[in-house]
mmCIF file of all heavy atoms, coordinates in Angstrom:
data_MODEL
# 
_entry.id   MODEL 
# 
loop_
_atom_site.group_PDB 
_atom_site.id 
_atom_site.type_symbol 
_atom_site.label_atom_id 
_atom_site.label_alt_id 
_atom_site.label_comp_id 
_atom_site.label_asym_id 
_atom_site.label_entity_id 
_atom_site.label_seq_id 
_atom_site.pdbx_PDB_ins_code 
_atom_site.Cartn_x 
_atom_site.Cartn_y 
_atom_site.Cartn_z 
_atom_site.occupancy 
_atom_site.B_iso_or_equiv 
_atom_site.pdbx_formal_charge 
_atom_site.auth_seq_id 
_atom_site.auth_comp_id 
_atom_site.auth_asym_id 
_atom_site.auth_atom_id 
_atom_site.pdbx_PDB_model_num 
ATOM 1   N N   . VAL A 1 1  ? 0.830   -1.233 0.024   1.00 0.00 ? 1  VAL A N   1 
ATOM 2   C CA  . VAL A 1 1  ? -0.010  -0.004 -0.027  1.00 0.00 ? 1  VAL A CA  1 
ATOM 3   C C   . VAL A 1 1  ? 0.852   1.246  -0.021  1.00 0.00 ? 1  VAL A C   1 
ATOM 4   O O   . VAL A 1 1  ? 0.626   2.214  -0.807  1.00 0.00 ? 1  VAL A O   1 
ATOM 5   C CB  . VAL A 1 1  ? -0.956  -0.009 1.187   1.00 0.00 ? 1  VAL A CB  1 
ATOM 6   C CG1 . VAL A 1 1  ? -1.731  1.336  1.320   1.00 0.00 ? 1  VAL A CG1 1 
ATOM 7   C CG2 . VAL A 1 1  ? -1.917  -1.121 1.043   1.00 0.00 ? 1  VAL A CG2 1 
ATOM 8   N N   . ILE A 1 2  ? 1.881   1.266  0.819   1.00 0.00 ? 2  ILE A N   1 
ATOM 9   C CA  . ILE A 1 2  ? 2.818   2.438  0.927   1.00 0.00 ? 2  ILE A CA  1 
ATOM 10  C C   . ILE A 1 2  ? 3.481   2.593  -0.355  1.00 0.00 ? 2  ILE A C   1 
ATOM 11  O O   . ILE A 1 2  ? 3.698   3.761  -0.848  1.00 0.00 ? 2  ILE A O   1 
ATOM 12  C CB  . ILE A 1 2  ? 3.831   2.281  1.989   1.00 0.00 ? 2  ILE A CB  1 
ATOM 13  C CG1 . ILE A 1 2  ? 3.089   2.281  3.432   1.00 0.00 ? 2  ILE A CG1 1 
ATOM 14  C CG2 . ILE A 1 2  ? 4.921   3.218  1.997   1.00 0.00 ? 2  ILE A CG2 1 
ATOM 15  C CD1 . ILE A 1 2  ? 4.050   1.914  4.554   1.00 0.00 ? 2  ILE A CD1 1 
ATOM 16  N N   . SER A 1 3  ? 3.892   1.602  -1.044  1.00 0.00 ? 3  SER A N   1 
ATOM 17  C CA  . SER A 1 3  ? 4.672   1.585  -2.304  1.00 0.00 ? 3  SER A CA  1 
ATOM 18  C C   . SER A 1 3  ? 3.731   2.271  -3.328  1.00 0.00 ? 3  SER A C   1 
ATOM 19  O O   . SER A 1 3  ? 4.163   3.018  -4.219  1.00 0.00 ? 3  SER A O   1 
ATOM 20  C CB  . SER A 1 3  ? 5.117   0.257  -2.684  1.00 0.00 ? 3  SER A CB  1 
ATOM 21  O OG  . SER A 1 3  ? 5.926   -0.242 -1.818  1.00 0.00 ? 3  SER A OG  1 
ATOM 22  N N   . ILE A 1 4  ? 2.440   1.749  -3.336  1.00 0.00 ? 4  ILE A N   1 
ATOM 23  C CA  . ILE A 1 4  ? 1.424   2.312  -4.380  1.00 0.00 ? 4  ILE A CA  1 
ATOM 24  C C   . ILE A 1 4  ? 1.234   3.778  -4.174  1.00 0.00 ? 4  ILE A C   1 
ATOM 25  O O   . ILE A 1 4  ? 1.225   4.644  -5.132  1.00 0.00 ? 4  ILE A O   1 
ATOM 26  C CB  . ILE A 1 4  ? 0.119   1.622  -4.372  1.00 0.00 ? 4  ILE A CB  1 
ATOM 27  C CG1 . ILE A 1 4  ? 0.351   0.144  -4.756  1.00 0.00 ? 4  ILE A CG1 1 
ATOM 28  C CG2 . ILE A 1 4  ? -0.928  2.263  -5.122  1.00 0.00 ? 4  ILE A CG2 1 
ATOM 29  C CD1 . ILE A 1 4  ? -0.915  -0.855 -4.559  1.00 0.00 ? 4  ILE A CD1 1 
ATOM 30  N N   . VAL A 1 5  ? 1.154   4.208  -3.037  1.00 0.00 ? 5  VAL A N   1 
ATOM 31  C CA  . VAL A 1 5  ? 1.030   5.633  -2.687  1.00 0.00 ? 5  VAL A CA  1 
ATOM 32  C C   . VAL A 1 5  ? 2.158   6.510  -3.019  1.00 0.00 ? 5  VAL A C   1 
ATOM 33  O O   . VAL A 1 5  ? 1.817   7.443  -3.682  1.00 0.00 ? 5  VAL A O   1 
ATOM 34  C CB  . VAL A 1 5  ? 0.694   5.786  -1.118  1.00 0.00 ? 5  VAL A CB  1 
ATOM 35  C CG1 . VAL A 1 5  ? 0.891   7.278  -0.642  1.00 0.00 ? 5  VAL A CG1 1 
ATOM 36  C CG2 . VAL A 1 5  ? -0.545  5.222  -0.641  1.00 0.00 ? 5  VAL A CG2 1 
ATOM 37  N N   . LYS A 1 6  ? 3.387   5.981  -2.983  1.00 0.00 ? 6  LYS A N   1 
ATOM 38  C CA  . LYS A 1 6  ? 4.558   6.591  -3.339  1.00 0.00 ? 6  LYS A CA  1 
ATOM 39  C C   . LYS A 1 6  ? 4.720   6.582  -4.883  1.00 0.00 ? 6  LYS A C   1 
ATOM 40  O O   . LYS A 1 6  ? 5.058   7.599  -5.475  1.00 0.00 ? 6  LYS A O   1 
ATOM 41  C CB  . LYS A 1 6  ? 5.832   6.007  -2.742  1.00 0.00 ? 6  LYS A CB  1 
ATOM 42  C CG  . LYS A 1 6  ? 5.870   6.274  -1.201  1.00 0.00 ? 6  LYS A CG  1 
ATOM 43  C CD  . LYS A 1 6  ? 7.206   5.735  -0.680  1.00 0.00 ? 6  LYS A CD  1 
ATOM 44  C CE  . LYS A 1 6  ? 7.333   5.897  0.904   1.00 0.00 ? 6  LYS A CE  1 
ATOM 45  N NZ  . LYS A 1 6  ? 8.684   5.366  1.317   1.00 0.00 ? 6  LYS A NZ  1 
ATOM 46  N N   . LEU A 1 7  ? 4.291   5.497  -5.516  1.00 0.00 ? 7  LEU A N   1 
ATOM 47  C CA  . LEU A 1 7  ? 4.467   5.417  -6.932  1.00 0.00 ? 7  LEU A CA  1 
ATOM 48  C C   . LEU A 1 7  ? 3.483   6.214  -7.696  1.00 0.00 ? 7  LEU A C   1 
ATOM 49  O O   . LEU A 1 7  ? 3.894   6.924  -8.710  1.00 0.00 ? 7  LEU A O   1 
ATOM 50  C CB  . LEU A 1 7  ? 4.202   3.872  -7.338  1.00 0.00 ? 7  LEU A CB  1 
ATOM 51  C CG  . LEU A 1 7  ? 4.242   3.551  -8.842  1.00 0.00 ? 7  LEU A CG  1 
ATOM 52  C CD1 . LEU A 1 7  ? 5.678   3.734  -9.316  1.00 0.00 ? 7  LEU A CD1 1 
ATOM 53  C CD2 . LEU A 1 7  ? 3.785   2.082  -9.045  1.00 0.00 ? 7  LEU A CD2 1 
ATOM 54  N N   . PHE A 1 8  ? 2.311   6.409  -7.209  1.00 0.00 ? 8  PHE A N   1 
ATOM 55  C CA  . PHE A 1 8  ? 1.373   7.172  -7.892  1.00 0.00 ? 8  PHE A CA  1 
ATOM 56  C C   . PHE A 1 8  ? 1.086   8.567  -7.303  1.00 0.00 ? 8  PHE A C   1 
ATOM 57  O O   . PHE A 1 8  ? 0.267   9.316  -7.740  1.00 0.00 ? 8  PHE A O   1 
ATOM 58  C CB  . PHE A 1 8  ? -0.114  6.454  -7.997  1.00 0.00 ? 8  PHE A CB  1 
ATOM 59  C CG  . PHE A 1 8  ? -0.060  5.194  -8.741  1.00 0.00 ? 8  PHE A CG  1 
ATOM 60  C CD1 . PHE A 1 8  ? 0.133   3.993  -8.172  1.00 0.00 ? 8  PHE A CD1 1 
ATOM 61  C CD2 . PHE A 1 8  ? -0.209  5.207  -10.115 1.00 0.00 ? 8  PHE A CD2 1 
ATOM 62  C CE1 . PHE A 1 8  ? 0.102   2.828  -8.949  1.00 0.00 ? 8  PHE A CE1 1 
ATOM 63  C CE2 . PHE A 1 8  ? -0.280  4.116  -10.782 1.00 0.00 ? 8  PHE A CE2 1 
ATOM 64  C CZ  . PHE A 1 8  ? -0.237  2.988  -10.185 1.00 0.00 ? 8  PHE A CZ  1 
ATOM 65  N N   . ASP A 1 9  ? 1.979   8.904  -6.280  1.00 0.00 ? 9  ASP A N   1 
ATOM 66  C CA  . ASP A 1 9  ? 2.009   10.125 -5.614  1.00 0.00 ? 9  ASP A CA  1 
ATOM 67  C C   . ASP A 1 9  ? 0.687   10.566 -5.152  1.00 0.00 ? 9  ASP A C   1 
ATOM 68  O O   . ASP A 1 9  ? 0.161   11.621 -5.438  1.00 0.00 ? 9  ASP A O   1 
ATOM 69  C CB  . ASP A 1 9  ? 2.569   11.295 -6.706  1.00 0.00 ? 9  ASP A CB  1 
ATOM 70  C CG  . ASP A 1 9  ? 3.054   12.544 -5.923  1.00 0.00 ? 9  ASP A CG  1 
ATOM 71  O OD1 . ASP A 1 9  ? 3.311   12.419 -4.692  1.00 0.00 ? 9  ASP A OD1 1 
ATOM 72  O OD2 . ASP A 1 9  ? 3.016   13.643 -6.508  1.00 0.00 ? 9  ASP A OD2 1 
ATOM 73  N N   . ILE A 1 10 ? 0.088   9.649  -4.483  1.00 0.00 ? 10 ILE A N   1 
ATOM 74  C CA  . ILE A 1 10 ? -1.228  9.882  -3.819  1.00 0.00 ? 10 ILE A CA  1 
ATOM 75  C C   . ILE A 1 10 ? -1.237  10.808 -2.627  1.00 0.00 ? 10 ILE A C   1 
ATOM 76  O O   . ILE A 1 10 ? -0.300  10.645 -1.647  1.00 0.00 ? 10 ILE A O   1 
ATOM 77  C CB  . ILE A 1 10 ? -1.920  8.611  -3.482  1.00 0.00 ? 10 ILE A CB  1 
ATOM 78  C CG1 . ILE A 1 10 ? -2.071  7.763  -4.751  1.00 0.00 ? 10 ILE A CG1 1 
ATOM 79  C CG2 . ILE A 1 10 ? -3.332  8.807  -2.848  1.00 0.00 ? 10 ILE A CG2 1 
ATOM 80  C CD1 . ILE A 1 10 ? -2.629  6.302  -4.467  1.00 0.00 ? 10 ILE A CD1 1 
ATOM 81  N N   . ASP A 1 11 ? -1.838  11.838 -2.673  1.00 0.00 ? 11 ASP A N   1 
ATOM 82  C CA  . ASP A 1 11 ? -1.914  12.793 -1.530  1.00 0.00 ? 11 ASP A CA  1 
ATOM 83  C C   . ASP A 1 11 ? -2.786  12.237 -0.452  1.00 0.00 ? 11 ASP A C   1 
ATOM 84  O O   . ASP A 1 11 ? -3.977  12.193 -0.521  1.00 0.00 ? 11 ASP A O   1 
ATOM 85  C CB  . ASP A 1 11 ? -2.429  14.146 -1.952  1.00 0.00 ? 11 ASP A CB  1 
ATOM 86  C CG  . ASP A 1 11 ? -2.224  15.217 -0.866  1.00 0.00 ? 11 ASP A CG  1 
ATOM 87  O OD1 . ASP A 1 11 ? -1.623  14.980 0.074   1.00 0.00 ? 11 ASP A OD1 1 
ATOM 88  O OD2 . ASP A 1 11 ? -2.780  16.387 -1.173  1.00 0.00 ? 11 ASP A OD2 1 
ATOM 89  N N   . LEU A 1 12 ? -2.299  12.020 0.704   1.00 0.00 ? 12 LEU A N   1 
ATOM 90  C CA  . LEU A 1 12 ? -2.944  11.514 1.898   1.00 0.00 ? 12 LEU A CA  1 
ATOM 91  C C   . LEU A 1 12 ? -3.070  12.628 2.990   1.00 0.00 ? 12 LEU A C   1 
ATOM 92  O O   . LEU A 1 12 ? -3.401  12.268 4.138   1.00 0.00 ? 12 LEU A O   1 
ATOM 93  C CB  . LEU A 1 12 ? -2.307  10.285 2.530   1.00 0.00 ? 12 LEU A CB  1 
ATOM 94  C CG  . LEU A 1 12 ? -2.089  9.069  1.608   1.00 0.00 ? 12 LEU A CG  1 
ATOM 95  C CD1 . LEU A 1 12 ? -1.322  7.955  2.242   1.00 0.00 ? 12 LEU A CD1 1 
ATOM 96  C CD2 . LEU A 1 12 ? -3.498  8.660  1.102   1.00 0.00 ? 12 LEU A CD2 1 
ATOM 97  N N   . THR A 1 13 ? -2.813  13.833 2.627   1.00 0.00 ? 13 THR A N   1 
ATOM 98  C CA  . THR A 1 13 ? -2.783  14.906 3.704   1.00 0.00 ? 13 THR A CA  1 
ATOM 99  C C   . THR A 1 13 ? -4.234  15.152 4.399   1.00 0.00 ? 13 THR A C   1 
ATOM 100 O O   . THR A 1 13 ? -4.118  15.146 5.633   1.00 0.00 ? 13 THR A O   1 
ATOM 101 C CB  . THR A 1 13 ? -2.552  16.230 3.034   1.00 0.00 ? 13 THR A CB  1 
ATOM 102 O OG1 . THR A 1 13 ? -1.279  16.256 2.377   1.00 0.00 ? 13 THR A OG1 1 
ATOM 103 C CG2 . THR A 1 13 ? -2.421  17.359 3.973   1.00 0.00 ? 13 THR A CG2 1 
ATOM 104 N N   . TYR A 1 14 ? -5.251  14.976 3.646   1.00 0.00 ? 14 TYR A N   1 
ATOM 105 C CA  . TYR A 1 14 ? -6.660  15.080 4.138   1.00 0.00 ? 14 TYR A CA  1 
ATOM 106 C C   . TYR A 1 14 ? -6.966  13.942 5.160   1.00 0.00 ? 14 TYR A C   1 
ATOM 107 O O   . TYR A 1 14 ? -7.543  14.064 6.132   1.00 0.00 ? 14 TYR A O   1 
ATOM 108 C CB  . TYR A 1 14 ? -7.662  15.137 3.057   1.00 0.00 ? 14 TYR A CB  1 
ATOM 109 C CG  . TYR A 1 14 ? -9.150  15.335 3.591   1.00 0.00 ? 14 TYR A CG  1 
ATOM 110 C CD1 . TYR A 1 14 ? -9.498  16.643 4.257   1.00 0.00 ? 14 TYR A CD1 1 
ATOM 111 C CD2 . TYR A 1 14 ? -9.975  14.306 3.534   1.00 0.00 ? 14 TYR A CD2 1 
ATOM 112 C CE1 . TYR A 1 14 ? -10.821 16.715 4.724   1.00 0.00 ? 14 TYR A CE1 1 
ATOM 113 C CE2 . TYR A 1 14 ? -11.331 14.428 4.124   1.00 0.00 ? 14 TYR A CE2 1 
ATOM 114 C CZ  . TYR A 1 14 ? -11.555 15.585 4.691   1.00 0.00 ? 14 TYR A CZ  1 
ATOM 115 O OH  . TYR A 1 14 ? -12.943 15.725 5.179   1.00 0.00 ? 14 TYR A OH  1 
ATOM 116 N N   . LEU A 1 15 ? -6.453  12.695 4.615   1.00 0.00 ? 15 LEU A N   1 
ATOM 117 C CA  . LEU A 1 15 ? -6.683  11.530 5.436   1.00 0.00 ? 15 LEU A CA  1 
ATOM 118 C C   . LEU A 1 15 ? -5.954  11.624 6.793   1.00 0.00 ? 15 LEU A C   1 
ATOM 119 O O   . LEU A 1 15 ? -6.488  11.295 7.786   1.00 0.00 ? 15 LEU A O   1 
ATOM 120 C CB  . LEU A 1 15 ? -6.284  10.318 4.633   1.00 0.00 ? 15 LEU A CB  1 
ATOM 121 C CG  . LEU A 1 15 ? -6.498  8.834  5.314   1.00 0.00 ? 15 LEU A CG  1 
ATOM 122 C CD1 . LEU A 1 15 ? -7.891  8.697  5.851   1.00 0.00 ? 15 LEU A CD1 1 
ATOM 123 C CD2 . LEU A 1 15 ? -5.874  7.882  4.533   1.00 0.00 ? 15 LEU A CD2 1 
ATOM 124 N N   . MET A 1 16 ? -4.765  12.014 6.623   1.00 0.00 ? 16 MET A N   1 
ATOM 125 C CA  . MET A 1 16 ? -3.971  12.087 7.816   1.00 0.00 ? 16 MET A CA  1 
ATOM 126 C C   . MET A 1 16 ? -4.476  13.210 8.840   1.00 0.00 ? 16 MET A C   1 
ATOM 127 O O   . MET A 1 16 ? -4.480  13.043 10.042  1.00 0.00 ? 16 MET A O   1 
ATOM 128 C CB  . MET A 1 16 ? -2.478  12.536 7.517   1.00 0.00 ? 16 MET A CB  1 
ATOM 129 C CG  . MET A 1 16 ? -1.793  11.359 6.659   1.00 0.00 ? 16 MET A CG  1 
ATOM 130 S SD  . MET A 1 16 ? -1.741  9.821  7.482   1.00 0.00 ? 16 MET A SD  1 
ATOM 131 C CE  . MET A 1 16 ? -0.696  10.157 9.086   1.00 0.00 ? 16 MET A CE  1 
ATOM 132 N N   . TYR A 1 17 ? -5.020  14.304 8.167   1.00 0.00 ? 17 TYR A N   1 
ATOM 133 C CA  . TYR A 1 17 ? -5.633  15.340 9.062   1.00 0.00 ? 17 TYR A CA  1 
ATOM 134 C C   . TYR A 1 17 ? -6.866  14.804 9.761   1.00 0.00 ? 17 TYR A C   1 
ATOM 135 O O   . TYR A 1 17 ? -7.011  15.053 10.998  1.00 0.00 ? 17 TYR A O   1 
ATOM 136 C CB  . TYR A 1 17 ? -5.977  16.466 8.234   1.00 0.00 ? 17 TYR A CB  1 
ATOM 137 C CG  . TYR A 1 17 ? -6.850  17.497 8.777   1.00 0.00 ? 17 TYR A CG  1 
ATOM 138 C CD1 . TYR A 1 17 ? -6.251  18.513 9.704   1.00 0.00 ? 17 TYR A CD1 1 
ATOM 139 C CD2 . TYR A 1 17 ? -8.207  17.523 8.665   1.00 0.00 ? 17 TYR A CD2 1 
ATOM 140 C CE1 . TYR A 1 17 ? -7.075  19.353 10.493  1.00 0.00 ? 17 TYR A CE1 1 
ATOM 141 C CE2 . TYR A 1 17 ? -9.029  18.589 9.315   1.00 0.00 ? 17 TYR A CE2 1 
ATOM 142 C CZ  . TYR A 1 17 ? -8.409  19.408 10.146  1.00 0.00 ? 17 TYR A CZ  1 
ATOM 143 O OH  . TYR A 1 17 ? -9.154  20.308 10.898  1.00 0.00 ? 17 TYR A OH  1 
ATOM 144 N N   . MET A 1 18 ? -7.572  13.927 9.067   1.00 0.00 ? 18 MET A N   1 
ATOM 145 C CA  . MET A 1 18 ? -8.831  13.409 9.802   1.00 0.00 ? 18 MET A CA  1 
ATOM 146 C C   . MET A 1 18 ? -8.403  12.358 10.851  1.00 0.00 ? 18 MET A C   1 
ATOM 147 O O   . MET A 1 18 ? -9.183  12.428 11.928  1.00 0.00 ? 18 MET A O   1 
ATOM 148 C CB  . MET A 1 18 ? -9.748  12.670 8.632   1.00 0.00 ? 18 MET A CB  1 
ATOM 149 C CG  . MET A 1 18 ? -10.350 13.559 7.672   1.00 0.00 ? 18 MET A CG  1 
ATOM 150 S SD  . MET A 1 18 ? -11.506 14.784 8.277   1.00 0.00 ? 18 MET A SD  1 
ATOM 151 C CE  . MET A 1 18 ? -12.848 13.656 8.937   1.00 0.00 ? 18 MET A CE  1 
ATOM 152 N N   . ILE A 1 19 ? -7.465  11.721 10.632  1.00 0.00 ? 19 ILE A N   1 
ATOM 153 C CA  . ILE A 1 19 ? -6.987  10.684 11.649  1.00 0.00 ? 19 ILE A CA  1 
ATOM 154 C C   . ILE A 1 19 ? -6.470  11.398 12.864  1.00 0.00 ? 19 ILE A C   1 
ATOM 155 O O   . ILE A 1 19 ? -6.765  11.238 14.024  1.00 0.00 ? 19 ILE A O   1 
ATOM 156 C CB  . ILE A 1 19 ? -5.895  9.820  11.073  1.00 0.00 ? 19 ILE A CB  1 
ATOM 157 C CG1 . ILE A 1 19 ? -6.609  8.893  10.065  1.00 0.00 ? 19 ILE A CG1 1 
ATOM 158 C CG2 . ILE A 1 19 ? -5.233  8.819  12.246  1.00 0.00 ? 19 ILE A CG2 1 
ATOM 159 C CD1 . ILE A 1 19 ? -5.506  8.056  9.377   1.00 0.00 ? 19 ILE A CD1 1 
ATOM 160 N N   . SER A 1 20 ? -5.725  12.518 12.626  1.00 0.00 ? 20 SER A N   1 
ATOM 161 C CA  . SER A 1 20 ? -5.245  13.379 13.721  1.00 0.00 ? 20 SER A CA  1 
ATOM 162 C C   . SER A 1 20 ? -6.337  14.083 14.593  1.00 0.00 ? 20 SER A C   1 
ATOM 163 O O   . SER A 1 20 ? -5.994  14.416 15.743  1.00 0.00 ? 20 SER A O   1 
ATOM 164 C CB  . SER A 1 20 ? -4.332  14.384 13.221  1.00 0.00 ? 20 SER A CB  1 
ATOM 165 O OG  . SER A 1 20 ? -4.936  15.427 12.333  1.00 0.00 ? 20 SER A OG  1 
ATOM 166 N N   . GLN A 1 21 ? -7.494  14.159 13.981  1.00 0.00 ? 21 GLN A N   1 
ATOM 167 C CA  . GLN A 1 21 ? -8.592  14.894 14.679  1.00 0.00 ? 21 GLN A CA  1 
ATOM 168 C C   . GLN A 1 21 ? -9.357  13.846 15.658  1.00 0.00 ? 21 GLN A C   1 
ATOM 169 O O   . GLN A 1 21 ? -10.131 14.214 16.400  1.00 0.00 ? 21 GLN A O   1 
ATOM 170 C CB  . GLN A 1 21 ? -9.644  15.389 13.668  1.00 0.00 ? 21 GLN A CB  1 
ATOM 171 C CG  . GLN A 1 21 ? -9.150  16.450 12.877  1.00 0.00 ? 21 GLN A CG  1 
ATOM 172 C CD  . GLN A 1 21 ? -8.461  17.672 13.692  1.00 0.00 ? 21 GLN A CD  1 
ATOM 173 O OE1 . GLN A 1 21 ? -9.162  18.326 14.563  1.00 0.00 ? 21 GLN A OE1 1 
ATOM 174 N NE2 . GLN A 1 21 ? -7.211  18.006 13.457  1.00 0.00 ? 21 GLN A NE2 1 
ATOM 175 N N   . ILE A 1 22 ? -8.857  12.575 15.687  1.00 0.00 ? 22 ILE A N   1 
ATOM 176 C CA  . ILE A 1 22 ? -9.628  11.553 16.509  1.00 0.00 ? 22 ILE A CA  1 
ATOM 177 C C   . ILE A 1 22 ? -8.930  11.613 17.775  1.00 0.00 ? 22 ILE A C   1 
ATOM 178 O O   . ILE A 1 22 ? -7.686  11.324 17.905  1.00 0.00 ? 22 ILE A O   1 
ATOM 179 C CB  . ILE A 1 22 ? -9.544  10.147 15.821  1.00 0.00 ? 22 ILE A CB  1 
ATOM 180 C CG1 . ILE A 1 22 ? -10.280 10.146 14.421  1.00 0.00 ? 22 ILE A CG1 1 
ATOM 181 C CG2 . ILE A 1 22 ? -10.051 9.130  16.813  1.00 0.00 ? 22 ILE A CG2 1 
ATOM 182 C CD1 . ILE A 1 22 ? -10.025 8.735  13.781  1.00 0.00 ? 22 ILE A CD1 1 
ATOM 183 N N   . ASP A 1 23 ? -9.619  11.923 18.815  1.00 0.00 ? 23 ASP A N   1 
ATOM 184 C CA  . ASP A 1 23 ? -8.981  11.972 20.149  1.00 0.00 ? 23 ASP A CA  1 
ATOM 185 C C   . ASP A 1 23 ? -9.119  10.579 20.742  1.00 0.00 ? 23 ASP A C   1 
ATOM 186 O O   . ASP A 1 23 ? -9.664  9.603  20.242  1.00 0.00 ? 23 ASP A O   1 
ATOM 187 C CB  . ASP A 1 23 ? -9.775  12.952 21.165  1.00 0.00 ? 23 ASP A CB  1 
ATOM 188 C CG  . ASP A 1 23 ? -11.342 12.584 21.317  1.00 0.00 ? 23 ASP A CG  1 
ATOM 189 O OD1 . ASP A 1 23 ? -11.687 11.458 21.147  1.00 0.00 ? 23 ASP A OD1 1 
ATOM 190 O OD2 . ASP A 1 23 ? -12.040 13.595 21.589  1.00 0.00 ? 23 ASP A OD2 1 
ATOM 191 N N   . LEU A 1 24 ? -8.572  10.406 21.902  1.00 0.00 ? 24 LEU A N   1 
ATOM 192 C CA  . LEU A 1 24 ? -8.372  9.118  22.645  1.00 0.00 ? 24 LEU A CA  1 
ATOM 193 C C   . LEU A 1 24 ? -9.680  8.497  22.934  1.00 0.00 ? 24 LEU A C   1 
ATOM 194 O O   . LEU A 1 24 ? -9.860  7.319  22.777  1.00 0.00 ? 24 LEU A O   1 
ATOM 195 C CB  . LEU A 1 24 ? -7.571  9.325  23.970  1.00 0.00 ? 24 LEU A CB  1 
ATOM 196 C CG  . LEU A 1 24 ? -6.134  9.271  23.806  1.00 0.00 ? 24 LEU A CG  1 
ATOM 197 C CD1 . LEU A 1 24 ? -5.381  9.433  25.110  1.00 0.00 ? 24 LEU A CD1 1 
ATOM 198 C CD2 . LEU A 1 24 ? -5.474  7.980  23.138  1.00 0.00 ? 24 LEU A CD2 1 
ATOM 199 N N   . VAL A 1 25 ? -10.694 9.275  23.320  1.00 0.00 ? 25 VAL A N   1 
ATOM 200 C CA  . VAL A 1 25 ? -12.109 8.834  23.708  1.00 0.00 ? 25 VAL A CA  1 
ATOM 201 C C   . VAL A 1 25 ? -12.652 8.120  22.464  1.00 0.00 ? 25 VAL A C   1 
ATOM 202 O O   . VAL A 1 25 ? -13.220 7.065  22.520  1.00 0.00 ? 25 VAL A O   1 
ATOM 203 C CB  . VAL A 1 25 ? -12.910 9.842  24.316  1.00 0.00 ? 25 VAL A CB  1 
ATOM 204 C CG1 . VAL A 1 25 ? -14.443 9.342  24.526  1.00 0.00 ? 25 VAL A CG1 1 
ATOM 205 C CG2 . VAL A 1 25 ? -12.342 10.344 25.647  1.00 0.00 ? 25 VAL A CG2 1 
ATOM 206 N N   . GLN A 1 26 ? -12.567 8.902  21.325  1.00 0.00 ? 26 GLN A N   1 
ATOM 207 C CA  . GLN A 1 26 ? -13.201 8.396  20.093  1.00 0.00 ? 26 GLN A CA  1 
ATOM 208 C C   . GLN A 1 26 ? -12.408 7.065  19.676  1.00 0.00 ? 26 GLN A C   1 
ATOM 209 O O   . GLN A 1 26 ? -13.039 6.176  19.201  1.00 0.00 ? 26 GLN A O   1 
ATOM 210 C CB  . GLN A 1 26 ? -13.059 9.418  18.927  1.00 0.00 ? 26 GLN A CB  1 
ATOM 211 C CG  . GLN A 1 26 ? -13.922 10.646 19.239  1.00 0.00 ? 26 GLN A CG  1 
ATOM 212 C CD  . GLN A 1 26 ? -13.755 11.641 18.288  1.00 0.00 ? 26 GLN A CD  1 
ATOM 213 O OE1 . GLN A 1 26 ? -12.618 11.985 17.694  1.00 0.00 ? 26 GLN A OE1 1 
ATOM 214 N NE2 . GLN A 1 26 ? -14.873 12.480 17.974  1.00 0.00 ? 26 GLN A NE2 1 
ATOM 215 N N   . MET A 1 27 ? -11.144 7.063  19.875  1.00 0.00 ? 27 MET A N   1 
ATOM 216 C CA  . MET A 1 27 ? -10.387 5.904  19.534  1.00 0.00 ? 27 MET A CA  1 
ATOM 217 C C   . MET A 1 27 ? -10.805 4.745  20.312  1.00 0.00 ? 27 MET A C   1 
ATOM 218 O O   . MET A 1 27 ? -10.764 3.544  19.775  1.00 0.00 ? 27 MET A O   1 
ATOM 219 C CB  . MET A 1 27 ? -8.859  6.296  19.606  1.00 0.00 ? 27 MET A CB  1 
ATOM 220 C CG  . MET A 1 27 ? -7.917  5.080  19.114  1.00 0.00 ? 27 MET A CG  1 
ATOM 221 S SD  . MET A 1 27 ? -8.197  4.777  17.343  1.00 0.00 ? 27 MET A SD  1 
ATOM 222 C CE  . MET A 1 27 ? -7.490  6.211  16.654  1.00 0.00 ? 27 MET A CE  1 
# 
């Protein structure tokens, strides 16, 4: 998966932002 993301230069910024918004209680 990581190789595919790098190969096709997929932008995961929004996904990483959404994950970072999850607090411990939600997790």
